[in-house]
Amino acid sequence: MDEVQTTWAIAGSAALFGLCLWRERQPHVIGKPRLFPYIPVMLVLVIVLFGLLAHAVTLLTGKPLTPRGLGG
């Protein structure tokens, strides 16, 4: 992916996250379950956004991000 595609993917993922957040904050009708699981979708979108942001940093700097985990 190049910079433009990465930017569009970040914008789309952020927009979907905002839509899910808005729908999750709607008042809940007791006795009527929601048919779409907004919170798990938001969790997946956060993971996707972190990956896309790391990819954008790699594209802008020219160096891949290295993991800095607990191992050593």
Protein backbone atom coordinates (compact mmCIF):
# COMPACT_ATOMS: atom_id res chain seq x y z
CA MET A 1 0.00 0.00 0.00
CA ASP A 2 1.23 3.47 -0.72
CA GLU A 3 0.64 6.64 1.30
CA VAL A 4 -2.69 7.50 -0.32
CA GLN A 5 -4.19 4.05 0.17
CA THR A 6 -2.94 3.94 3.75
CA THR A 7 -4.46 7.35 4.47
CA TRP A 8 -7.81 6.27 3.00
CA ALA A 9 -7.73 3.04 5.01
CA ILE A 10 -7.00 4.97 8.23
CA ALA A 11 -9.82 7.42 7.47
CA GLY A 12 -12.26 4.60 6.65
CA SER A 13 -11.39 2.62 9.76
CA ALA A 14 -11.70 5.72 11.95
CA ALA A 15 -15.07 6.54 10.35
CA LEU A 16 -16.35 3.01 10.97
CA PHE A 17 -15.11 3.21 14.55
CA GLY A 18 -16.96 6.52 15.00
CA LEU A 19 -20.14 5.04 13.52
CA CYS A 20 -19.95 2.02 15.85
CA LEU A 21 -19.29 4.29 18.83
CA TRP A 22 -22.27 6.50 17.93
CA ARG A 23 -24.57 3.48 17.52
CA GLU A 24 -23.33 1.92 20.78
CA ARG A 25 -24.20 5.10 22.68
CA GLN A 26 -27.80 5.10 21.44
CA PRO A 27 -30.36 4.40 24.17
CA HIS A 28 -31.02 0.71 24.62
CA VAL A 29 -34.60 -0.58 24.53
CA ILE A 30 -35.14 -3.10 27.31
CA GLY A 31 -36.34 -6.43 26.00
CA LYS A 32 -35.07 -5.83 22.46
CA PRO A 33 -31.55 -7.15 21.88
CA ARG A 34 -29.16 -5.44 19.52
CA LEU A 35 -28.58 -7.44 16.37
CA PHE A 36 -25.07 -6.12 15.63
CA PRO A 37 -22.12 -6.53 18.02
CA TYR A 38 -20.65 -3.02 18.03
CA ILE A 39 -18.06 -3.46 20.81
CA PRO A 40 -16.21 -6.44 19.25
CA VAL A 41 -16.16 -4.63 15.91
CA MET A 42 -14.70 -1.57 17.63
CA LEU A 43 -11.98 -3.74 19.20
CA VAL A 44 -11.05 -5.15 15.80
CA LEU A 45 -11.02 -1.65 14.30
CA VAL A 46 -8.66 -0.40 17.03
CA ILE A 47 -6.24 -3.24 16.20
CA VAL A 48 -6.52 -2.43 12.48
CA LEU A 49 -5.93 1.27 13.18
CA PHE A 50 -2.79 0.54 15.20
CA GLY A 51 -1.47 -1.61 12.35
CA LEU A 52 -2.27 1.04 9.75
CA LEU A 53 -0.66 3.77 11.84
CA ALA A 54 2.48 1.66 12.22
CA HIS A 55 2.47 1.13 8.46
CA ALA A 56 2.09 4.86 7.88
CA VAL A 57 5.08 5.56 10.14
CA THR A 58 7.08 3.00 8.16
CA LEU A 59 6.10 4.64 4.89
CA LEU A 60 6.96 8.14 6.12
CA THR A 61 10.29 7.32 7.75
CA GLY A 62 11.52 4.57 5.44
CA LYS A 63 12.44 2.33 8.38
CA PRO A 64 10.22 -0.50 9.59
CA LEU A 65 9.08 -0.32 13.20
CA THR A 66 10.75 -2.97 15.32
CA PRO A 67 8.87 -4.66 18.15
CA ARG A 68 10.05 -3.70 21.60
CA GLY A 69 8.51 -6.46 23.64
CA LEU A 70 9.48 -7.89 26.97
CA GLY A 71 12.01 -10.32 25.51
CA GLY A 72 15.46 -9.35 25.37
